[in-house]
Amino acid sequence: MNSCSRCGTQNPSWATHCSACSARLLHEEHPAAEARKVVTVACCAVHNLDELSEKLDPEALVQMTDAFFEDMRQALERYGATVEQWGNERILGLFGIPRVHADDALRAVYAAVEMRTSLNQQNSEFFRIWRTHITIGIGIGTGEVVTRGAAAGAVAVLGDAINQANRLERIAPAGDVLISDATYPNNFAGEFTPAKGFDIAKTKIASLNIIAAELDR
C-alpha cells in the first residue's frame, strides 16, 4: 500500500494519484528529496456542483466540467503554475514550483483575472446549451512550504499556503477572489476591507473587478 502524503489515505502500490484527494503519490522505491521554499497558491473551486449534478444529465455534467477545468488549467499554466486537480470541483495552481519567480504572487493574480474572464465567456456558452452556468470562488495564499520530490517525477507540497488558499476559496463570494495579506504586493492599488468570518487577522478581501481594473492600467 502507498500512503498519501496530503490526506493519509492508503492507496494500492500501483496507484499514481490518491483515490480520495487526487494528489500525486510518492512511491517508496523513489526516495523523496525535501526542499523548503516560498510559493503562492491559487485555489479555484466550483461552488454549485451539487446544483449542477441535480439539473444536468451525467454526460452533460462531465462535458461542462471537463471544458471548465481545461480552460482553468490553461490560464494557470500560461503564467507558469504547476497545476493539480483535486476531485471534480477544485483545481490548484502552484506558483514557485518547480521554479521560484520574484513575481509569483502577481502571476497568480493575473491568472485569477484570466480565469474569471474565461469563465464568463464559457458561461455564456454553457447557458446557451444547458440553460445553467458554473459559479466559482478563488483563494490565493502565499507562504513557506515543503516540497517532496521523487525520482519518478511526482511532487507533494505541504504547507500553510495551501491551507490559506483553500480556506479563502471556501468563503469567497461567487465570482470573487480572496487574497491573503502575504500575497498582497505593495504595488497593488484598490479598496480592501478585512474578510468577515476569516480567522487570520491580516487577510484581505477584494472584488476581482477592482484588481483587474488596477492591473489593466
N, C-alpha and C. Protein backbone atom coordinates (compact mmCIF):
# COMPACT_ATOMS: atom_id res chain seq x y z
N MET A 1 0.84 -1.20 0.00
CA MET A 1 0.00 0.00 0.00
C MET A 1 0.88 1.25 0.00
N ASN A 2 0.33 2.33 -0.52
CA ASN A 2 1.06 3.59 -0.61
C ASN A 2 0.22 4.67 0.06
N SER A 3 0.77 5.32 1.10
CA SER A 3 0.03 6.32 1.86
C SER A 3 0.16 7.70 1.22
N CYS A 4 -0.97 8.39 1.09
CA CYS A 4 -0.96 9.74 0.52
C CYS A 4 -0.35 10.71 1.53
N SER A 5 0.63 11.49 1.09
CA SER A 5 1.30 12.44 2.00
C SER A 5 0.41 13.62 2.33
N ARG A 6 -0.65 13.86 1.54
CA ARG A 6 -1.53 15.00 1.79
C ARG A 6 -2.66 14.65 2.76
N CYS A 7 -3.38 13.55 2.50
CA CYS A 7 -4.55 13.25 3.33
C CYS A 7 -4.42 11.97 4.13
N GLY A 8 -3.37 11.16 3.88
CA GLY A 8 -3.15 9.95 4.65
C GLY A 8 -3.86 8.71 4.15
N THR A 9 -4.66 8.83 3.09
CA THR A 9 -5.40 7.68 2.56
C THR A 9 -4.43 6.61 2.05
N GLN A 10 -4.74 5.35 2.35
CA GLN A 10 -3.96 4.24 1.84
C GLN A 10 -4.42 3.89 0.42
N ASN A 11 -3.48 3.84 -0.51
CA ASN A 11 -3.78 3.55 -1.91
C ASN A 11 -3.00 2.32 -2.37
N PRO A 12 -3.48 1.63 -3.41
CA PRO A 12 -2.73 0.49 -3.94
C PRO A 12 -1.32 0.90 -4.37
N SER A 13 -0.39 -0.02 -4.30
CA SER A 13 1.01 0.28 -4.61
C SER A 13 1.20 0.73 -6.05
N TRP A 14 0.28 0.34 -6.94
CA TRP A 14 0.43 0.72 -8.35
C TRP A 14 -0.19 2.08 -8.66
N ALA A 15 -0.93 2.66 -7.70
CA ALA A 15 -1.63 3.92 -7.96
C ALA A 15 -0.65 5.07 -8.12
N THR A 16 -0.96 6.00 -9.01
CA THR A 16 -0.13 7.19 -9.21
C THR A 16 -0.75 8.42 -8.57
N HIS A 17 -2.10 8.40 -8.30
CA HIS A 17 -2.80 9.52 -7.67
C HIS A 17 -3.69 8.98 -6.55
N CYS A 18 -3.88 9.79 -5.52
CA CYS A 18 -4.69 9.38 -4.39
C CYS A 18 -6.16 9.26 -4.79
N SER A 19 -6.80 8.19 -4.36
CA SER A 19 -8.21 7.96 -4.70
C SER A 19 -9.14 8.92 -3.96
N ALA A 20 -8.65 9.53 -2.85
CA ALA A 20 -9.50 10.42 -2.06
C ALA A 20 -9.36 11.89 -2.45
N CYS A 21 -8.10 12.35 -2.67
CA CYS A 21 -7.91 13.79 -2.91
C CYS A 21 -7.23 14.09 -4.24
N SER A 22 -6.88 13.05 -5.01
CA SER A 22 -6.29 13.18 -6.34
C SER A 22 -4.86 13.71 -6.35
N ALA A 23 -4.23 13.83 -5.18
CA ALA A 23 -2.82 14.27 -5.15
C ALA A 23 -1.93 13.20 -5.77
N ARG A 24 -0.85 13.65 -6.42
CA ARG A 24 0.13 12.70 -6.94
C ARG A 24 0.79 11.97 -5.78
N LEU A 25 1.03 10.67 -5.96
CA LEU A 25 1.59 9.85 -4.89
C LEU A 25 3.08 9.67 -5.05
N LEU A 26 3.78 9.63 -3.90
CA LEU A 26 5.18 9.27 -3.88
C LEU A 26 5.29 7.77 -3.66
N HIS A 27 6.28 7.14 -4.24
CA HIS A 27 6.47 5.71 -4.11
C HIS A 27 7.76 5.41 -3.35
N GLU A 28 7.71 4.40 -2.52
CA GLU A 28 8.83 4.11 -1.65
C GLU A 28 10.11 3.80 -2.41
N GLU A 29 9.98 3.26 -3.63
CA GLU A 29 11.19 2.91 -4.35
C GLU A 29 11.90 4.13 -4.91
N HIS A 30 11.28 5.31 -4.78
CA HIS A 30 11.90 6.55 -5.23
C HIS A 30 12.05 7.47 -4.02
N PRO A 31 13.21 7.52 -3.37
CA PRO A 31 13.35 8.32 -2.15
C PRO A 31 13.00 9.78 -2.41
N ALA A 32 12.32 10.39 -1.45
CA ALA A 32 11.89 11.77 -1.60
C ALA A 32 12.99 12.73 -1.19
N ALA A 33 13.13 13.79 -1.93
CA ALA A 33 14.06 14.87 -1.57
C ALA A 33 13.23 16.07 -1.16
N GLU A 34 13.49 16.60 0.04
CA GLU A 34 12.69 17.70 0.56
C GLU A 34 13.37 19.03 0.31
N ALA A 35 12.57 20.05 0.07
CA ALA A 35 13.07 21.42 -0.09
C ALA A 35 12.05 22.38 0.48
N ARG A 36 12.51 23.44 1.10
CA ARG A 36 11.63 24.49 1.62
C ARG A 36 11.70 25.69 0.68
N LYS A 37 10.54 26.26 0.39
CA LYS A 37 10.51 27.45 -0.46
C LYS A 37 9.21 28.21 -0.22
N VAL A 38 9.21 29.48 -0.61
CA VAL A 38 8.00 30.30 -0.51
C VAL A 38 7.28 30.25 -1.85
N VAL A 39 6.02 29.87 -1.83
CA VAL A 39 5.23 29.76 -3.06
C VAL A 39 3.91 30.49 -2.87
N THR A 40 3.25 30.75 -3.99
CA THR A 40 1.89 31.30 -3.97
C THR A 40 0.95 30.27 -4.58
N VAL A 41 -0.15 30.03 -3.91
CA VAL A 41 -1.11 29.01 -4.34
C VAL A 41 -2.43 29.67 -4.69
N ALA A 42 -2.94 29.39 -5.87
CA ALA A 42 -4.27 29.84 -6.28
C ALA A 42 -5.19 28.62 -6.29
N CYS A 43 -6.26 28.69 -5.52
CA CYS A 43 -7.23 27.59 -5.44
C CYS A 43 -8.56 28.06 -6.01
N CYS A 44 -9.06 27.33 -6.99
CA CYS A 44 -10.34 27.66 -7.63
C CYS A 44 -11.26 26.45 -7.51
N ALA A 45 -12.49 26.68 -7.07
CA ALA A 45 -13.43 25.57 -6.91
C ALA A 45 -14.80 25.94 -7.44
N VAL A 46 -15.50 24.92 -7.94
CA VAL A 46 -16.89 25.07 -8.39
C VAL A 46 -17.78 25.07 -7.14
N HIS A 47 -18.52 26.14 -6.93
CA HIS A 47 -19.35 26.25 -5.73
C HIS A 47 -20.75 25.68 -5.91
N ASN A 48 -21.18 25.45 -7.13
CA ASN A 48 -22.55 24.96 -7.33
C ASN A 48 -22.58 23.59 -7.98
N LEU A 49 -21.59 22.74 -7.64
CA LEU A 49 -21.52 21.42 -8.27
C LEU A 49 -22.75 20.56 -7.93
N ASP A 50 -23.22 20.62 -6.69
CA ASP A 50 -24.40 19.83 -6.30
C ASP A 50 -25.62 20.25 -7.12
N GLU A 51 -25.78 21.56 -7.28
CA GLU A 51 -26.91 22.06 -8.07
C GLU A 51 -26.80 21.60 -9.53
N LEU A 52 -25.60 21.66 -10.08
CA LEU A 52 -25.40 21.21 -11.46
C LEU A 52 -25.67 19.72 -11.60
N SER A 53 -25.26 18.94 -10.58
CA SER A 53 -25.48 17.49 -10.62
C SER A 53 -26.96 17.15 -10.63
N GLU A 54 -27.77 17.97 -9.96
CA GLU A 54 -29.22 17.73 -9.94
C GLU A 54 -29.88 18.14 -11.25
N LYS A 55 -29.36 19.17 -11.90
CA LYS A 55 -30.01 19.71 -13.10
C LYS A 55 -29.62 18.96 -14.36
N LEU A 56 -28.37 18.50 -14.44
CA LEU A 56 -27.83 18.01 -15.70
C LEU A 56 -27.75 16.49 -15.76
N ASP A 57 -27.89 15.99 -16.96
CA ASP A 57 -27.57 14.60 -17.23
C ASP A 57 -26.09 14.38 -16.92
N PRO A 58 -25.70 13.21 -16.38
CA PRO A 58 -24.30 12.98 -16.03
C PRO A 58 -23.33 13.24 -17.18
N GLU A 59 -23.70 12.86 -18.38
CA GLU A 59 -22.81 13.09 -19.52
C GLU A 59 -22.64 14.58 -19.80
N ALA A 60 -23.72 15.34 -19.68
CA ALA A 60 -23.63 16.78 -19.87
C ALA A 60 -22.78 17.42 -18.78
N LEU A 61 -22.92 16.94 -17.55
CA LEU A 61 -22.12 17.46 -16.45
C LEU A 61 -20.63 17.23 -16.70
N VAL A 62 -20.30 16.05 -17.18
CA VAL A 62 -18.90 15.74 -17.49
C VAL A 62 -18.38 16.66 -18.59
N GLN A 63 -19.18 16.88 -19.62
CA GLN A 63 -18.76 17.76 -20.71
C GLN A 63 -18.53 19.18 -20.22
N MET A 64 -19.43 19.67 -19.38
CA MET A 64 -19.30 21.02 -18.87
C MET A 64 -18.06 21.17 -17.98
N THR A 65 -17.90 20.28 -17.01
CA THR A 65 -16.79 20.42 -16.08
C THR A 65 -15.44 20.15 -16.76
N ASP A 66 -15.41 19.23 -17.72
CA ASP A 66 -14.16 19.00 -18.46
C ASP A 66 -13.73 20.26 -19.20
N ALA A 67 -14.68 20.92 -19.85
CA ALA A 67 -14.37 22.17 -20.57
C ALA A 67 -13.93 23.25 -19.60
N PHE A 68 -14.60 23.35 -18.46
CA PHE A 68 -14.24 24.34 -17.46
C PHE A 68 -12.83 24.14 -16.95
N PHE A 69 -12.51 22.92 -16.51
CA PHE A 69 -11.20 22.67 -15.93
C PHE A 69 -10.08 22.81 -16.96
N GLU A 70 -10.34 22.49 -18.21
CA GLU A 70 -9.31 22.66 -19.22
C GLU A 70 -8.97 24.14 -19.41
N ASP A 71 -9.97 24.98 -19.43
CA ASP A 71 -9.71 26.42 -19.56
C ASP A 71 -9.00 26.98 -18.32
N MET A 72 -9.40 26.52 -17.13
CA MET A 72 -8.73 26.98 -15.91
C MET A 72 -7.27 26.52 -15.89
N ARG A 73 -7.03 25.30 -16.31
CA ARG A 73 -5.66 24.78 -16.37
C ARG A 73 -4.80 25.61 -17.31
N GLN A 74 -5.33 25.93 -18.47
CA GLN A 74 -4.57 26.71 -19.45
C GLN A 74 -4.23 28.09 -18.91
N ALA A 75 -5.18 28.72 -18.21
CA ALA A 75 -4.92 30.04 -17.64
C ALA A 75 -3.81 29.98 -16.60
N LEU A 76 -3.85 28.98 -15.74
CA LEU A 76 -2.82 28.84 -14.70
C LEU A 76 -1.46 28.54 -15.31
N GLU A 77 -1.42 27.63 -16.25
CA GLU A 77 -0.15 27.25 -16.85
C GLU A 77 0.45 28.37 -17.68
N ARG A 78 -0.39 29.24 -18.23
CA ARG A 78 0.10 30.35 -19.03
C ARG A 78 0.98 31.28 -18.19
N TYR A 79 0.72 31.34 -16.88
CA TYR A 79 1.50 32.19 -16.00
C TYR A 79 2.53 31.41 -15.18
N GLY A 80 2.79 30.17 -15.59
CA GLY A 80 3.89 29.41 -15.02
C GLY A 80 3.56 28.54 -13.84
N ALA A 81 2.28 28.27 -13.57
CA ALA A 81 1.91 27.44 -12.42
C ALA A 81 2.05 25.96 -12.73
N THR A 82 2.37 25.20 -11.69
CA THR A 82 2.21 23.75 -11.73
C THR A 82 0.78 23.47 -11.26
N VAL A 83 0.04 22.70 -12.02
CA VAL A 83 -1.41 22.55 -11.78
C VAL A 83 -1.74 21.17 -11.23
N GLU A 84 -2.59 21.16 -10.21
CA GLU A 84 -3.14 19.92 -9.67
C GLU A 84 -4.65 20.05 -9.60
N GLN A 85 -5.37 19.01 -10.02
CA GLN A 85 -6.82 18.99 -9.89
C GLN A 85 -7.19 18.07 -8.75
N TRP A 86 -8.02 18.56 -7.83
CA TRP A 86 -8.49 17.76 -6.70
C TRP A 86 -9.94 17.38 -6.94
N GLY A 87 -10.17 16.13 -7.29
CA GLY A 87 -11.53 15.65 -7.48
C GLY A 87 -12.23 16.34 -8.63
N ASN A 88 -13.54 16.50 -8.49
CA ASN A 88 -14.37 17.03 -9.56
C ASN A 88 -14.76 18.49 -9.38
N GLU A 89 -14.19 19.16 -8.35
CA GLU A 89 -14.65 20.53 -8.12
C GLU A 89 -13.55 21.53 -7.80
N ARG A 90 -12.30 21.11 -7.69
CA ARG A 90 -11.26 22.04 -7.23
C ARG A 90 -9.99 21.87 -8.06
N ILE A 91 -9.33 23.01 -8.38
CA ILE A 91 -8.07 22.99 -9.10
C ILE A 91 -7.11 23.96 -8.42
N LEU A 92 -5.84 23.56 -8.31
CA LEU A 92 -4.81 24.37 -7.67
C LEU A 92 -3.76 24.78 -8.68
N GLY A 93 -3.30 26.02 -8.57
CA GLY A 93 -2.14 26.48 -9.31
C GLY A 93 -1.03 26.80 -8.33
N LEU A 94 0.11 26.13 -8.45
CA LEU A 94 1.24 26.31 -7.54
C LEU A 94 2.29 27.16 -8.24
N PHE A 95 2.43 28.40 -7.80
CA PHE A 95 3.37 29.33 -8.41
C PHE A 95 4.65 29.36 -7.58
N GLY A 96 5.76 28.93 -8.19
CA GLY A 96 7.02 28.79 -7.48
C GLY A 96 7.50 27.36 -7.45
N ILE A 97 6.77 26.48 -8.09
CA ILE A 97 7.15 25.07 -8.20
C ILE A 97 7.07 24.67 -9.67
N PRO A 98 8.14 24.16 -10.23
CA PRO A 98 9.42 23.84 -9.59
C PRO A 98 10.36 25.04 -9.45
N ARG A 99 10.09 26.15 -10.14
CA ARG A 99 10.99 27.29 -10.14
C ARG A 99 10.33 28.50 -9.52
N VAL A 100 11.03 29.14 -8.57
CA VAL A 100 10.52 30.34 -7.91
C VAL A 100 10.80 31.56 -8.77
N HIS A 101 9.79 32.45 -8.88
CA HIS A 101 9.95 33.73 -9.57
C HIS A 101 9.66 34.86 -8.59
N ALA A 102 10.32 35.97 -8.74
CA ALA A 102 10.12 37.10 -7.85
C ALA A 102 8.69 37.61 -7.89
N ASP A 103 8.00 37.41 -9.03
CA ASP A 103 6.64 37.93 -9.20
C ASP A 103 5.59 36.83 -9.15
N ASP A 104 5.84 35.75 -8.40
CA ASP A 104 4.88 34.65 -8.35
C ASP A 104 3.50 35.10 -7.85
N ALA A 105 3.47 35.99 -6.86
CA ALA A 105 2.17 36.48 -6.34
C ALA A 105 1.41 37.23 -7.43
N LEU A 106 2.13 38.07 -8.16
CA LEU A 106 1.49 38.81 -9.24
C LEU A 106 1.02 37.88 -10.35
N ARG A 107 1.82 36.87 -10.66
CA ARG A 107 1.42 35.87 -11.67
C ARG A 107 0.10 35.20 -11.26
N ALA A 108 -0.01 34.87 -9.98
CA ALA A 108 -1.22 34.20 -9.50
C ALA A 108 -2.45 35.08 -9.67
N VAL A 109 -2.31 36.38 -9.39
CA VAL A 109 -3.45 37.29 -9.53
C VAL A 109 -3.80 37.49 -11.01
N TYR A 110 -2.79 37.64 -11.85
CA TYR A 110 -3.06 37.73 -13.28
C TYR A 110 -3.81 36.48 -13.76
N ALA A 111 -3.38 35.31 -13.30
CA ALA A 111 -4.05 34.07 -13.70
C ALA A 111 -5.49 34.07 -13.23
N ALA A 112 -5.73 34.55 -12.00
CA ALA A 112 -7.10 34.61 -11.48
C ALA A 112 -7.98 35.52 -12.31
N VAL A 113 -7.42 36.67 -12.74
CA VAL A 113 -8.16 37.58 -13.62
C VAL A 113 -8.55 36.85 -14.90
N GLU A 114 -7.60 36.13 -15.48
CA GLU A 114 -7.87 35.43 -16.73
C GLU A 114 -8.86 34.29 -16.52
N MET A 115 -8.78 33.62 -15.38
CA MET A 115 -9.70 32.51 -15.11
C MET A 115 -11.14 33.00 -15.06
N ARG A 116 -11.37 34.13 -14.38
CA ARG A 116 -12.75 34.61 -14.31
C ARG A 116 -13.24 35.13 -15.65
N THR A 117 -12.35 35.80 -16.40
CA THR A 117 -12.74 36.26 -17.74
C THR A 117 -13.12 35.07 -18.62
N SER A 118 -12.30 34.03 -18.55
CA SER A 118 -12.56 32.82 -19.34
C SER A 118 -13.88 32.18 -18.94
N LEU A 119 -14.15 32.12 -17.63
CA LEU A 119 -15.40 31.51 -17.18
C LEU A 119 -16.61 32.31 -17.63
N ASN A 120 -16.50 33.63 -17.60
CA ASN A 120 -17.63 34.45 -18.07
C ASN A 120 -17.97 34.13 -19.52
N GLN A 121 -16.94 33.93 -20.33
CA GLN A 121 -17.17 33.56 -21.72
C GLN A 121 -17.75 32.16 -21.82
N GLN A 122 -17.21 31.24 -21.03
CA GLN A 122 -17.73 29.87 -21.03
C GLN A 122 -19.19 29.83 -20.60
N ASN A 123 -19.52 30.60 -19.57
CA ASN A 123 -20.88 30.55 -19.03
C ASN A 123 -21.93 30.98 -20.05
N SER A 124 -21.56 31.90 -20.94
CA SER A 124 -22.49 32.28 -22.00
C SER A 124 -22.82 31.08 -22.87
N GLU A 125 -21.79 30.30 -23.18
CA GLU A 125 -21.99 29.10 -23.99
C GLU A 125 -22.71 28.01 -23.20
N PHE A 126 -22.32 27.84 -21.92
CA PHE A 126 -22.99 26.84 -21.09
C PHE A 126 -24.49 27.13 -20.98
N PHE A 127 -24.85 28.40 -20.80
CA PHE A 127 -26.26 28.74 -20.66
C PHE A 127 -27.01 28.51 -21.97
N ARG A 128 -26.34 28.79 -23.09
CA ARG A 128 -26.98 28.56 -24.39
C ARG A 128 -27.28 27.08 -24.59
N ILE A 129 -26.37 26.21 -24.15
CA ILE A 129 -26.53 24.77 -24.39
C ILE A 129 -27.37 24.10 -23.30
N TRP A 130 -27.07 24.42 -22.02
CA TRP A 130 -27.67 23.68 -20.91
C TRP A 130 -28.56 24.54 -20.01
N ARG A 131 -28.69 25.82 -20.29
CA ARG A 131 -29.54 26.72 -19.51
C ARG A 131 -29.10 26.80 -18.05
N THR A 132 -27.81 26.69 -17.81
CA THR A 132 -27.27 26.85 -16.47
C THR A 132 -25.82 27.29 -16.59
N HIS A 133 -25.18 27.57 -15.46
CA HIS A 133 -23.82 28.09 -15.51
C HIS A 133 -23.04 27.61 -14.29
N ILE A 134 -21.74 27.84 -14.31
CA ILE A 134 -20.85 27.48 -13.21
C ILE A 134 -20.53 28.72 -12.38
N THR A 135 -20.58 28.58 -11.05
CA THR A 135 -20.11 29.64 -10.16
C THR A 135 -18.87 29.16 -9.42
N ILE A 136 -17.92 30.07 -9.21
CA ILE A 136 -16.66 29.68 -8.59
C ILE A 136 -16.28 30.68 -7.49
N GLY A 137 -15.34 30.25 -6.66
CA GLY A 137 -14.62 31.12 -5.76
C GLY A 137 -13.14 30.84 -5.94
N ILE A 138 -12.32 31.86 -5.73
CA ILE A 138 -10.87 31.69 -5.86
C ILE A 138 -10.20 32.28 -4.62
N GLY A 139 -9.28 31.51 -4.05
CA GLY A 139 -8.47 31.98 -2.93
C GLY A 139 -7.00 31.92 -3.30
N ILE A 140 -6.24 32.92 -2.87
CA ILE A 140 -4.80 32.95 -3.16
C ILE A 140 -4.05 33.16 -1.86
N GLY A 141 -3.11 32.24 -1.56
CA GLY A 141 -2.30 32.33 -0.36
C GLY A 141 -0.83 32.22 -0.68
N THR A 142 0.00 32.82 0.14
CA THR A 142 1.45 32.78 -0.05
C THR A 142 2.12 32.40 1.26
N GLY A 143 3.10 31.52 1.19
CA GLY A 143 3.81 31.13 2.39
C GLY A 143 4.85 30.07 2.11
N GLU A 144 5.55 29.69 3.17
CA GLU A 144 6.59 28.68 3.06
C GLU A 144 5.97 27.29 3.04
N VAL A 145 6.47 26.45 2.14
CA VAL A 145 6.01 25.07 2.04
C VAL A 145 7.22 24.15 1.98
N VAL A 146 6.97 22.89 2.21
CA VAL A 146 7.97 21.85 1.99
C VAL A 146 7.52 21.04 0.78
N THR A 147 8.41 20.90 -0.19
CA THR A 147 8.12 20.07 -1.36
C THR A 147 8.88 18.77 -1.22
N ARG A 148 8.21 17.70 -1.55
CA ARG A 148 8.84 16.37 -1.54
C ARG A 148 8.83 15.85 -2.97
N GLY A 149 9.96 15.87 -3.60
CA GLY A 149 10.05 15.43 -4.98
C GLY A 149 10.69 14.06 -5.06
N ALA A 150 10.16 13.24 -5.96
CA ALA A 150 10.69 11.89 -6.11
C ALA A 150 11.39 11.73 -7.44
N ALA A 151 12.23 10.73 -7.53
CA ALA A 151 12.96 10.48 -8.77
C ALA A 151 12.02 10.20 -9.93
N ALA A 152 10.82 9.67 -9.60
CA ALA A 152 9.86 9.35 -10.66
C ALA A 152 9.18 10.60 -11.20
N GLY A 153 9.41 11.75 -10.56
CA GLY A 153 8.83 12.99 -11.06
C GLY A 153 7.63 13.47 -10.27
N ALA A 154 7.11 12.66 -9.33
CA ALA A 154 5.98 13.07 -8.52
C ALA A 154 6.44 14.07 -7.47
N VAL A 155 5.59 15.06 -7.17
CA VAL A 155 5.92 16.08 -6.20
C VAL A 155 4.73 16.27 -5.26
N ALA A 156 4.99 16.26 -3.96
CA ALA A 156 3.97 16.59 -2.97
C ALA A 156 4.34 17.91 -2.33
N VAL A 157 3.35 18.73 -2.02
CA VAL A 157 3.58 20.05 -1.43
C VAL A 157 2.79 20.14 -0.14
N LEU A 158 3.48 20.49 0.95
CA LEU A 158 2.84 20.59 2.25
C LEU A 158 3.15 21.95 2.86
N GLY A 159 2.13 22.64 3.36
CA GLY A 159 2.38 23.93 3.99
C GLY A 159 1.12 24.75 4.09
N ASP A 160 1.21 25.84 4.86
CA ASP A 160 0.03 26.65 5.16
C ASP A 160 -0.46 27.45 3.96
N ALA A 161 0.40 27.69 2.96
CA ALA A 161 -0.06 28.43 1.78
C ALA A 161 -1.25 27.73 1.12
N ILE A 162 -1.21 26.40 1.08
CA ILE A 162 -2.32 25.64 0.50
C ILE A 162 -3.55 25.76 1.39
N ASN A 163 -3.35 25.67 2.71
CA ASN A 163 -4.49 25.80 3.62
C ASN A 163 -5.12 27.18 3.51
N GLN A 164 -4.29 28.24 3.41
CA GLN A 164 -4.81 29.59 3.25
C GLN A 164 -5.70 29.69 2.01
N ALA A 165 -5.15 29.22 0.88
CA ALA A 165 -5.88 29.32 -0.39
C ALA A 165 -7.19 28.56 -0.32
N ASN A 166 -7.19 27.37 0.28
CA ASN A 166 -8.40 26.57 0.38
C ASN A 166 -9.46 27.25 1.25
N ARG A 167 -9.03 27.79 2.40
CA ARG A 167 -9.99 28.43 3.29
C ARG A 167 -10.56 29.70 2.66
N LEU A 168 -9.71 30.46 2.00
CA LEU A 168 -10.18 31.68 1.36
C LEU A 168 -11.13 31.37 0.21
N GLU A 169 -10.83 30.34 -0.55
CA GLU A 169 -11.72 29.96 -1.65
C GLU A 169 -13.10 29.60 -1.14
N ARG A 170 -13.16 28.90 0.00
CA ARG A 170 -14.44 28.44 0.52
C ARG A 170 -15.34 29.59 0.96
N ILE A 171 -14.75 30.69 1.43
CA ILE A 171 -15.59 31.80 1.89
C ILE A 171 -15.68 32.93 0.86
N ALA A 172 -15.07 32.74 -0.29
CA ALA A 172 -15.13 33.78 -1.34
C ALA A 172 -16.55 33.90 -1.89
N PRO A 173 -17.08 35.10 -2.00
CA PRO A 173 -18.37 35.27 -2.68
C PRO A 173 -18.26 34.79 -4.12
N ALA A 174 -19.38 34.37 -4.67
CA ALA A 174 -19.38 33.81 -6.02
C ALA A 174 -18.72 34.76 -7.02
N GLY A 175 -17.71 34.27 -7.72
CA GLY A 175 -17.04 35.06 -8.73
C GLY A 175 -15.94 35.96 -8.22
N ASP A 176 -15.72 35.97 -6.91
CA ASP A 176 -14.71 36.85 -6.34
C ASP A 176 -13.45 36.09 -5.95
N VAL A 177 -12.42 36.84 -5.58
CA VAL A 177 -11.14 36.29 -5.15
C VAL A 177 -10.80 36.85 -3.78
N LEU A 178 -10.39 36.00 -2.87
CA LEU A 178 -9.85 36.44 -1.59
C LEU A 178 -8.34 36.24 -1.61
N ILE A 179 -7.61 37.26 -1.18
CA ILE A 179 -6.15 37.25 -1.25
C ILE A 179 -5.58 37.43 0.15
N SER A 180 -4.70 36.53 0.57
CA SER A 180 -4.09 36.66 1.89
C SER A 180 -3.18 37.87 1.94
N ASP A 181 -2.94 38.34 3.15
CA ASP A 181 -2.10 39.52 3.33
C ASP A 181 -0.69 39.28 2.78
N ALA A 182 -0.19 38.06 2.92
CA ALA A 182 1.15 37.75 2.43
C ALA A 182 1.24 37.81 0.91
N THR A 183 0.10 37.63 0.25
CA THR A 183 0.08 37.67 -1.21
C THR A 183 -0.01 39.08 -1.74
N TYR A 184 -0.56 39.98 -0.94
CA TYR A 184 -0.89 41.32 -1.38
C TYR A 184 0.37 42.17 -1.58
N PRO A 185 0.82 42.35 -2.84
CA PRO A 185 2.05 43.12 -3.06
C PRO A 185 1.83 44.61 -2.82
N ASN A 186 2.91 45.30 -2.49
CA ASN A 186 2.82 46.71 -2.17
C ASN A 186 2.37 47.56 -3.35
N ASN A 187 2.57 47.06 -4.59
CA ASN A 187 2.24 47.88 -5.75
C ASN A 187 0.81 47.68 -6.24
N PHE A 188 -0.02 46.91 -5.48
CA PHE A 188 -1.42 46.77 -5.84
C PHE A 188 -2.19 47.96 -5.26
N ALA A 189 -3.09 48.51 -6.05
CA ALA A 189 -3.96 49.58 -5.56
C ALA A 189 -5.38 49.05 -5.50
N GLY A 190 -6.26 49.81 -4.85
CA GLY A 190 -7.66 49.39 -4.79
C GLY A 190 -8.17 49.46 -3.37
N GLU A 191 -9.46 49.25 -3.18
CA GLU A 191 -10.09 49.30 -1.87
C GLU A 191 -10.15 47.89 -1.29
N PHE A 192 -9.62 47.73 -0.09
CA PHE A 192 -9.61 46.43 0.56
C PHE A 192 -10.18 46.57 1.97
N THR A 193 -10.98 45.59 2.38
CA THR A 193 -11.53 45.58 3.73
C THR A 193 -11.29 44.20 4.33
N PRO A 194 -11.23 44.09 5.65
CA PRO A 194 -10.98 42.77 6.27
C PRO A 194 -12.05 41.76 5.88
N ALA A 195 -11.63 40.53 5.67
CA ALA A 195 -12.57 39.47 5.32
C ALA A 195 -13.36 39.06 6.56
N LYS A 196 -14.67 39.18 6.51
CA LYS A 196 -15.51 38.82 7.64
C LYS A 196 -15.53 37.30 7.82
N GLY A 197 -15.43 36.87 9.05
CA GLY A 197 -15.54 35.45 9.33
C GLY A 197 -14.28 34.67 9.10
N PHE A 198 -13.19 35.32 8.73
CA PHE A 198 -11.95 34.60 8.50
C PHE A 198 -11.02 34.84 9.67
N ASP A 199 -10.33 33.80 10.12
CA ASP A 199 -9.63 33.89 11.40
C ASP A 199 -8.17 34.31 11.29
N ILE A 200 -7.73 34.76 10.14
CA ILE A 200 -6.39 35.33 10.01
C ILE A 200 -6.55 36.84 9.95
N ALA A 201 -6.07 37.52 10.95
CA ALA A 201 -6.38 38.93 11.15
C ALA A 201 -6.00 39.80 9.96
N LYS A 202 -4.90 39.48 9.30
CA LYS A 202 -4.41 40.37 8.26
C LYS A 202 -4.88 39.98 6.86
N THR A 203 -5.79 39.04 6.77
CA THR A 203 -6.30 38.64 5.46
C THR A 203 -7.06 39.80 4.81
N LYS A 204 -6.89 39.95 3.48
CA LYS A 204 -7.59 40.99 2.75
C LYS A 204 -8.65 40.36 1.85
N ILE A 205 -9.73 41.07 1.64
CA ILE A 205 -10.76 40.63 0.70
C ILE A 205 -10.91 41.73 -0.35
N ALA A 206 -11.06 41.31 -1.62
CA ALA A 206 -11.22 42.31 -2.67
C ALA A 206 -12.05 41.75 -3.80
N SER A 207 -12.83 42.61 -4.42
CA SER A 207 -13.51 42.22 -5.65
C SER A 207 -12.49 42.10 -6.76
N LEU A 208 -12.58 41.05 -7.54
CA LEU A 208 -11.63 40.88 -8.63
C LEU A 208 -11.79 41.97 -9.67
N ASN A 209 -12.97 42.58 -9.73
CA ASN A 209 -13.15 43.70 -10.65
C ASN A 209 -12.19 44.83 -10.31
N ILE A 210 -12.00 45.10 -9.03
CA ILE A 210 -11.07 46.15 -8.61
C ILE A 210 -9.65 45.79 -9.01
N ILE A 211 -9.25 44.56 -8.72
CA ILE A 211 -7.89 44.12 -9.05
C ILE A 211 -7.66 44.19 -10.55
N ALA A 212 -8.60 43.66 -11.31
CA ALA A 212 -8.43 43.65 -12.76
C ALA A 212 -8.30 45.06 -13.32
N ALA A 213 -9.10 45.99 -12.80
CA ALA A 213 -9.03 47.36 -13.29
C ALA A 213 -7.67 47.99 -13.02
N GLU A 214 -7.12 47.70 -11.83
CA GLU A 214 -5.82 48.26 -11.49
C GLU A 214 -4.72 47.63 -12.33
N LEU A 215 -4.79 46.33 -12.55
CA LEU A 215 -3.74 45.64 -13.31
C LEU A 215 -3.76 46.01 -14.78
N ASP A 216 -4.92 46.39 -15.28
CA ASP A 216 -5.05 46.68 -16.70
C ASP A 216 -4.63 48.11 -17.06
N ARG A 217 -4.34 48.94 -16.10
CA ARG A 217 -3.98 50.34 -16.38
C ARG A 217 -2.60 50.42 -17.01
